Amino acid sequence: MRPRLKKVLAARLSKEGSRPDLRRAAVARAAALSGGAIAAGDTLPEALAGWVEKVARQAWEITDEDVSALRAAGFDEDAIFEITIAAAAGAGLARYQVAVRAIEAAASAPAKSGAGG
């Protein structure tokens, strides 16, 4: 993994800021939903599972009602923001991992010979 990417991931998984346990769980869940793998030691509460999935897979479909549901479940603006960023980072990292695997597989595949016809 590239150093800058490691730095971003370390910031998302750090113990600083609002709800680090939820950020770590959101990163791991979003990565898993997007085809990647990040070790998770924390569990994601049910109230956040749908949110993280939506951020990871269909962020363009998020509505004010989705945010209101999180507020009603007891999450403040800071927690919602940090969990959203963590989920987006996890999904992005997973897509990066998928791309790296595809590039490595293509690079190690036997070269095709000559001109086709």
Protein backbone atom coordinates (compact mmCIF):
# COMPACT_ATOMS: atom_id res chain seq x y z
CA MET A 1 0.00 0.00 0.00
CA ARG A 2 1.29 3.45 -0.83
CA PRO A 3 2.51 5.67 2.03
CA ARG A 4 -0.08 8.40 1.45
CA LEU A 5 -2.87 5.84 1.44
CA LYS A 6 -1.54 4.33 4.66
CA LYS A 7 -1.60 7.81 6.21
CA VAL A 8 -5.26 8.35 5.24
CA LEU A 9 -6.24 4.95 6.58
CA ALA A 10 -4.31 5.51 9.82
CA ALA A 11 -6.17 8.79 10.36
CA ARG A 12 -9.53 7.07 9.88
CA LEU A 13 -8.58 4.27 12.26
CA SER A 14 -6.96 6.47 14.93
CA LYS A 15 -8.37 6.80 18.43
CA GLU A 16 -8.79 10.55 18.07
CA GLY A 17 -12.02 12.34 17.23
CA SER A 18 -15.60 11.23 17.60
CA ARG A 19 -16.39 7.52 18.06
CA PRO A 20 -13.19 5.82 16.84
CA ASP A 21 -14.78 2.40 17.43
CA LEU A 22 -17.57 3.22 15.00
CA ARG A 23 -15.15 4.70 12.44
CA ARG A 24 -13.06 1.51 12.46
CA ALA A 25 -16.16 -0.64 12.08
CA ALA A 26 -17.49 1.59 9.28
CA VAL A 27 -14.20 1.44 7.35
CA ALA A 28 -14.08 -2.35 7.63
CA ARG A 29 -17.75 -2.86 6.70
CA ALA A 30 -17.59 -0.50 3.71
CA ALA A 31 -14.42 -2.18 2.50
CA ALA A 32 -16.02 -5.61 2.76
CA LEU A 33 -19.10 -4.41 0.85
CA SER A 34 -16.85 -3.08 -1.91
CA GLY A 35 -14.69 -6.16 -2.39
CA GLY A 36 -11.77 -5.25 -0.16
CA ALA A 37 -10.52 -6.43 3.18
CA ILE A 38 -9.63 -4.43 6.28
CA ALA A 39 -9.40 -6.13 9.65
CA ALA A 40 -12.23 -5.12 11.94
CA GLY A 41 -12.12 -5.41 15.67
CA ASP A 42 -15.25 -3.41 16.33
CA THR A 43 -18.85 -4.16 15.45
CA LEU A 44 -21.15 -1.76 13.70
CA PRO A 45 -24.46 -1.05 15.44
CA GLU A 46 -27.55 -2.03 13.46
CA ALA A 47 -28.63 1.63 13.26
CA LEU A 48 -25.49 2.39 11.22
CA ALA A 49 -25.32 -0.73 9.04
CA GLY A 50 -27.73 0.57 6.40
CA TRP A 51 -26.08 3.98 6.40
CA VAL A 52 -22.60 2.54 5.84
CA GLU A 53 -23.89 0.29 3.08
CA LYS A 54 -25.58 3.22 1.36
CA VAL A 55 -22.45 5.38 1.61
CA ALA A 56 -20.30 2.54 0.25
CA ARG A 57 -22.58 1.44 -2.58
CA GLN A 58 -25.09 4.19 -3.44
CA ALA A 59 -24.01 7.47 -1.88
CA TRP A 60 -25.97 9.43 -4.47
CA GLU A 61 -29.20 8.06 -2.96
CA ILE A 62 -28.66 9.46 0.55
CA THR A 63 -31.51 11.70 1.68
CA ASP A 64 -32.27 14.08 4.53
CA GLU A 65 -34.51 11.35 5.92
CA ASP A 66 -31.51 9.01 6.19
CA VAL A 67 -29.64 11.61 8.24
CA SER A 68 -32.72 12.27 10.37
CA ALA A 69 -32.98 8.55 11.13
CA LEU A 70 -29.39 8.55 12.39
CA ARG A 71 -30.09 11.58 14.56
CA ALA A 72 -33.19 9.86 15.94
CA ALA A 73 -31.02 6.83 16.76
CA GLY A 74 -28.85 9.09 18.93
CA PHE A 75 -25.94 10.01 16.67
CA ASP A 76 -24.81 13.65 16.66
CA GLU A 77 -23.54 15.60 13.67
CA ASP A 78 -19.88 14.91 14.47
CA ALA A 79 -20.43 11.15 14.69
CA ILE A 80 -22.48 11.10 11.48
CA PHE A 81 -19.81 13.08 9.65
CA GLU A 82 -16.91 10.94 10.86
CA ILE A 83 -18.71 7.66 10.18
CA THR A 84 -19.63 8.87 6.69
CA ILE A 85 -16.02 9.81 5.91
CA ALA A 86 -14.83 6.48 7.32
CA ALA A 87 -17.32 4.52 5.20
CA ALA A 88 -16.34 6.45 2.06
CA ALA A 89 -12.65 5.89 2.82
CA GLY A 90 -13.24 2.17 3.36
CA ALA A 91 -15.14 1.84 0.10
CA GLY A 92 -12.48 3.78 -1.78
CA LEU A 93 -9.68 1.72 -0.27
CA ALA A 94 -11.48 -1.49 -1.23
CA ARG A 95 -11.82 -0.33 -4.80
CA TYR A 96 -8.11 0.47 -4.80
CA GLN A 97 -7.37 -3.05 -3.50
CA VAL A 98 -9.55 -4.58 -6.23
CA ALA A 99 -7.76 -2.52 -8.89
CA VAL A 100 -4.31 -3.50 -7.60
CA ARG A 101 -5.30 -7.19 -7.67
CA ALA A 102 -6.55 -6.82 -11.24
CA ILE A 103 -3.36 -5.09 -12.35
CA GLU A 104 -1.21 -7.72 -10.64
CA ALA A 105 -3.21 -10.52 -12.25
CA ALA A 106 -2.89 -8.93 -15.68
CA ALA A 107 0.84 -8.38 -15.20
CA SER A 108 1.44 -11.99 -14.20
CA ALA A 109 -0.72 -13.47 -16.97
CA PRO A 110 1.16 -15.03 -19.86
CA ALA A 111 1.62 -12.66 -22.74
CA LYS A 112 -0.46 -13.32 -25.83
CA SER A 113 1.59 -14.12 -28.86
CA GLY A 114 1.82 -12.35 -32.17
CA ALA A 115 -0.73 -10.67 -34.33
CA GLY A 116 -4.28 -11.91 -34.26
CA GLY A 117 -6.26 -12.65 -37.24
